[in-house]
Amino acid sequence: FPNVWTNTCCSHPLHGMDVNEVDAPEDVMDGTVKGVKAAAVRKLEHELGIPVGQLPMDSFKFLTRLHYWAADTVTHGEKSPWGENEIDYVLFVTVPNKDKL
């Protein structure tokens, strides 16, 4: 969405990656979600310039997952056919010193 604030980084899990980035329902239930965490680490470099390995997968805490839907009414008007309809995983990481990233 142009001109609209969003999250910090999208993970965009992919099939066929090593580590597998697609989590099973039991991974969500037990909170491990290694796939989504691996995808987030990969995308941090692409979206924020943080090199792979700078923030290890183990440093991410899985908070929840939610269904997100939004129409892009800013760009396309009130009856916009465009938007997002997705399942989002919310991960949190604390960085002791952002200057070292």
Protein backbone atom coordinates (compact mmCIF):
# COMPACT_ATOMS: atom_id res chain seq x y z
CA PHE A 1 0.00 0.00 0.00
CA PRO A 2 1.61 3.28 -1.02
CA ASN A 3 1.69 6.00 1.66
CA VAL A 4 0.60 3.60 4.42
CA TRP A 5 2.72 2.43 7.39
CA THR A 6 3.09 -1.30 7.81
CA ASN A 7 5.13 -3.82 9.79
CA THR A 8 8.92 -3.81 10.09
CA CYS A 9 9.65 -6.88 7.99
CA CYS A 10 7.60 -9.55 6.19
CA SER A 11 8.86 -13.13 6.36
CA HIS A 12 7.23 -14.52 3.19
CA PRO A 13 7.93 -18.21 3.93
CA LEU A 14 8.85 -20.24 0.84
CA HIS A 15 8.49 -23.94 0.01
CA GLY A 16 11.67 -25.87 -0.75
CA MET A 17 14.04 -23.83 1.39
CA ASP A 18 16.66 -25.28 3.73
CA VAL A 19 15.62 -24.78 6.64
CA ASN A 20 12.03 -25.52 5.53
CA GLU A 21 10.16 -22.24 5.98
CA VAL A 22 6.67 -23.75 6.06
CA ASP A 23 5.52 -24.67 9.57
CA ALA A 24 3.08 -27.44 10.48
CA PRO A 25 0.11 -26.81 12.79
CA GLU A 26 1.97 -28.47 15.67
CA ASP A 27 4.83 -25.95 15.24
CA VAL A 28 2.32 -23.16 15.78
CA MET A 29 0.75 -24.93 18.75
CA ASP A 30 4.08 -25.41 20.54
CA GLY A 31 5.42 -22.00 19.48
CA THR A 32 8.58 -23.23 17.75
CA VAL A 33 7.71 -21.93 14.22
CA LYS A 34 11.28 -22.50 12.99
CA GLY A 35 10.18 -22.06 9.39
CA VAL A 36 8.75 -18.59 9.86
CA LYS A 37 11.75 -17.59 11.97
CA ALA A 38 14.13 -18.77 9.23
CA ALA A 39 12.14 -16.81 6.65
CA ALA A 40 12.25 -13.70 8.84
CA VAL A 41 16.04 -13.95 9.17
CA ARG A 42 16.32 -14.30 5.36
CA LYS A 43 14.03 -11.33 4.68
CA LEU A 44 15.71 -9.02 7.23
CA GLU A 45 18.62 -8.64 4.83
CA HIS A 46 16.34 -7.97 1.88
CA GLU A 47 14.04 -5.50 3.64
CA LEU A 48 16.27 -3.86 6.28
CA GLY A 49 19.86 -4.67 5.25
CA ILE A 50 20.51 -6.78 8.36
CA PRO A 51 22.86 -9.60 7.25
CA VAL A 52 21.80 -13.23 7.64
CA GLY A 53 23.23 -14.50 10.93
CA GLN A 54 23.30 -11.07 12.60
CA LEU A 55 20.12 -11.98 14.48
CA PRO A 56 19.98 -15.75 15.07
CA MET A 57 16.68 -17.62 14.77
CA ASP A 58 16.80 -18.43 18.48
CA SER A 59 16.57 -14.72 19.34
CA PHE A 60 13.04 -14.42 17.88
CA LYS A 61 10.04 -14.97 20.13
CA PHE A 62 6.78 -16.10 18.52
CA LEU A 63 3.92 -14.06 19.98
CA THR A 64 0.88 -15.07 17.93
CA ARG A 65 -0.53 -15.53 14.48
CA LEU A 66 -3.53 -13.69 13.09
CA HIS A 67 -5.71 -13.31 10.03
CA TYR A 68 -5.15 -9.93 8.40
CA TRP A 69 -7.36 -8.44 5.71
CA ALA A 70 -7.27 -4.90 4.35
CA ALA A 71 -8.43 -3.22 1.16
CA ASP A 72 -6.23 -0.58 -0.45
CA THR A 73 -8.84 2.17 -0.36
CA VAL A 74 -6.20 4.91 -0.23
CA THR A 75 -5.00 4.13 -3.76
CA HIS A 76 -8.06 2.52 -5.34
CA GLY A 77 -11.09 4.02 -3.58
CA GLU A 78 -13.77 2.71 -1.26
CA LYS A 79 -14.69 -0.34 -3.42
CA SER A 80 -11.10 -1.37 -4.07
CA PRO A 81 -10.62 -4.92 -5.39
CA TRP A 82 -6.97 -4.77 -4.28
CA GLY A 83 -5.59 -5.45 -0.85
CA GLU A 84 -4.18 -8.13 1.43
CA ASN A 85 -5.73 -11.30 2.84
CA GLU A 86 -3.16 -13.33 4.74
CA ILE A 87 -2.15 -15.21 7.86
CA ASP A 88 0.55 -13.21 9.68
CA TYR A 89 2.95 -14.47 12.32
CA VAL A 90 4.05 -11.91 14.89
CA LEU A 91 7.67 -12.34 15.98
CA PHE A 92 9.54 -10.18 18.45
CA VAL A 93 13.25 -9.75 18.97
CA THR A 94 15.13 -7.49 21.38
CA VAL A 95 18.38 -6.03 20.13
CA PRO A 96 20.78 -5.00 22.92
CA ASN A 97 22.58 -2.40 20.78
CA LYS A 98 21.02 -1.31 17.47
CA ASP A 99 24.28 0.42 16.48
CA LYS A 100 25.91 -3.01 16.04
CA LEU A 101 23.35 -4.08 13.39
